[in-house]
Amino acid sequence: MRPKTMSVETHEVIYSGPVDEVSAAIAEHNGDFRETVRSLLLRERTLLERLSFAEGCMGRGFTRGWKPSEQVEEPCDTQEA
């Protein structure tokens, strides 16, 4: 299997100082916004499927009544753009 190569744009975004996650995600897809959104939606769907599977595997006593939800909490350090 061939290793995945990194574009110059991706390298610059990742290694040029503080990482802007939005710019990094877009650079990872060579500036293609639609492909970036498609990839993020696929990752979300995959994580929700795994969360659902994990929820089915663990007992309520194990989690003391806690159940995962699909609601995403905003990180504390989010800055308004």
C-alpha atoms as a PDB file:
ATOM      1  CA  MET A   1       0.000   0.000   0.000  1.00  0.00           C
ATOM      2  CA  ARG A   2       1.338   3.409  -0.993  1.00  0.00           C
ATOM      3  CA  PRO A   3       1.688   6.002   1.770  1.00  0.00           C
ATOM      4  CA  LYS A   4      -0.659   8.972   1.548  1.00  0.00           C
ATOM      5  CA  THR A   5       1.155  12.083   0.370  1.00  0.00           C
ATOM      6  CA  MET A   6       0.571  15.506   1.871  1.00  0.00           C
ATOM      7  CA  SER A   7      -0.006  18.521  -0.323  1.00  0.00           C
ATOM      8  CA  VAL A   8       2.099  21.632   0.135  1.00  0.00           C
ATOM      9  CA  GLU A   9      -0.994  23.532   1.331  1.00  0.00           C
ATOM     10  CA  THR A  10      -1.744  20.904   3.978  1.00  0.00           C
ATOM     11  CA  HIS A  11       1.868  20.941   5.163  1.00  0.00           C
ATOM     12  CA  GLU A  12       1.865  24.736   5.475  1.00  0.00           C
ATOM     13  CA  VAL A  13      -1.386  24.806   7.457  1.00  0.00           C
ATOM     14  CA  ILE A  14      -0.328  22.038   9.830  1.00  0.00           C
ATOM     15  CA  TYR A  15       3.272  23.055  10.476  1.00  0.00           C
ATOM     16  CA  SER A  16       3.216  26.860  10.268  1.00  0.00           C
ATOM     17  CA  GLY A  17       2.162  27.626  13.842  1.00  0.00           C
ATOM     18  CA  PRO A  18      -1.178  27.453  15.639  1.00  0.00           C
ATOM     19  CA  VAL A  19      -3.503  25.117  13.782  1.00  0.00           C
ATOM     20  CA  ASP A  20      -6.760  26.456  12.407  1.00  0.00           C
ATOM     21  CA  GLU A  21      -8.795  23.227  12.311  1.00  0.00           C
ATOM     22  CA  VAL A  22     -11.113  24.511   9.580  1.00  0.00           C
ATOM     23  CA  SER A  23      -8.215  25.484   7.324  1.00  0.00           C
ATOM     24  CA  ALA A  24      -6.491  22.177   8.053  1.00  0.00           C
ATOM     25  CA  ALA A  25      -9.590  20.185   7.090  1.00  0.00           C
ATOM     26  CA  ILE A  26     -10.001  22.136   3.853  1.00  0.00           C
ATOM     27  CA  ALA A  27      -6.282  21.851   3.045  1.00  0.00           C
ATOM     28  CA  GLU A  28      -6.446  18.088   3.629  1.00  0.00           C
ATOM     29  CA  HIS A  29      -8.905  17.949   0.727  1.00  0.00           C
ATOM     30  CA  ASN A  30      -6.847  20.278  -1.488  1.00  0.00           C
ATOM     31  CA  GLY A  31      -9.259  23.205  -1.097  1.00  0.00           C
ATOM     32  CA  ASP A  32     -12.350  21.239  -2.178  1.00  0.00           C
ATOM     33  CA  PHE A  33     -15.088  22.442   0.200  1.00  0.00           C
ATOM     34  CA  ARG A  34     -17.656  19.874  -0.953  1.00  0.00           C
ATOM     35  CA  GLU A  35     -15.224  17.001  -0.437  1.00  0.00           C
ATOM     36  CA  THR A  36     -14.327  18.396   3.006  1.00  0.00           C
ATOM     37  CA  VAL A  37     -17.981  18.470   4.081  1.00  0.00           C
ATOM     38  CA  ARG A  38     -18.595  15.020   2.560  1.00  0.00           C
ATOM     39  CA  SER A  39     -15.641  13.607   4.505  1.00  0.00           C
ATOM     40  CA  LEU A  40     -16.739  15.206   7.786  1.00  0.00           C
ATOM     41  CA  LEU A  41     -20.287  13.886   7.370  1.00  0.00           C
ATOM     42  CA  LEU A  42     -18.934  10.401   6.712  1.00  0.00           C
ATOM     43  CA  ARG A  43     -16.763  10.609   9.832  1.00  0.00           C
ATOM     44  CA  GLU A  44     -19.758  11.793  11.876  1.00  0.00           C
ATOM     45  CA  ARG A  45     -21.922   8.924  10.602  1.00  0.00           C
ATOM     46  CA  THR A  46     -19.167   6.425  11.404  1.00  0.00           C
ATOM     47  CA  LEU A  47     -18.713   7.782  14.929  1.00  0.00           C
ATOM     48  CA  LEU A  48     -22.468   7.734  15.585  1.00  0.00           C
ATOM     49  CA  GLU A  49     -22.641   4.105  14.395  1.00  0.00           C
ATOM     50  CA  ARG A  50     -19.773   3.166  16.716  1.00  0.00           C
ATOM     51  CA  LEU A  51     -21.402   5.044  19.595  1.00  0.00           C
ATOM     52  CA  SER A  52     -24.674   3.226  18.965  1.00  0.00           C
ATOM     53  CA  PHE A  53     -22.866  -0.119  18.899  1.00  0.00           C
ATOM     54  CA  ALA A  54     -21.021   0.688  22.138  1.00  0.00           C
ATOM     55  CA  GLU A  55     -24.293   1.751  23.773  1.00  0.00           C
ATOM     56  CA  GLY A  56     -25.807  -1.629  22.895  1.00  0.00           C
ATOM     57  CA  CYS A  57     -22.799  -3.509  24.292  1.00  0.00           C
ATOM     58  CA  MET A  58     -22.598  -1.867  27.691  1.00  0.00           C
ATOM     59  CA  GLY A  59     -25.050  -2.409  30.492  1.00  0.00           C
ATOM     60  CA  ARG A  60     -26.829   0.376  32.339  1.00  0.00           C
ATOM     61  CA  GLY A  61     -25.113  -0.621  35.590  1.00  0.00           C
ATOM     62  CA  PHE A  62     -21.731  -0.179  33.945  1.00  0.00           C
ATOM     63  CA  THR A  63     -22.515   3.426  33.057  1.00  0.00           C
ATOM     64  CA  ARG A  64     -24.659   4.241  36.129  1.00  0.00           C
ATOM     65  CA  GLY A  65     -27.584   5.253  33.932  1.00  0.00           C
ATOM     66  CA  TRP A  66     -25.598   7.491  31.556  1.00  0.00           C
ATOM     67  CA  LYS A  67     -26.543   7.162  27.906  1.00  0.00           C
ATOM     68  CA  PRO A  68     -24.679   8.771  25.022  1.00  0.00           C
ATOM     69  CA  SER A  69     -26.516  11.410  23.022  1.00  0.00           C
ATOM     70  CA  GLU A  70     -26.074  12.849  19.555  1.00  0.00           C
ATOM     71  CA  GLN A  71     -25.957  16.382  20.938  1.00  0.00           C
ATOM     72  CA  VAL A  72     -22.500  17.853  20.451  1.00  0.00           C
ATOM     73  CA  GLU A  73     -21.179  20.202  23.087  1.00  0.00           C
ATOM     74  CA  GLU A  74     -19.180  23.188  21.879  1.00  0.00           C
ATOM     75  CA  PRO A  75     -15.577  23.254  23.094  1.00  0.00           C
ATOM     76  CA  CYS A  76     -14.844  25.885  25.735  1.00  0.00           C
ATOM     77  CA  ASP A  77     -12.136  27.574  23.657  1.00  0.00           C
ATOM     78  CA  THR A  78     -14.251  28.179  20.549  1.00  0.00           C
ATOM     79  CA  GLN A  79     -13.793  31.705  19.250  1.00  0.00           C
ATOM     80  CA  GLU A  80     -16.398  33.501  17.212  1.00  0.00           C
ATOM     81  CA  ALA A  81     -15.113  34.268  13.734  1.00  0.00           C
END
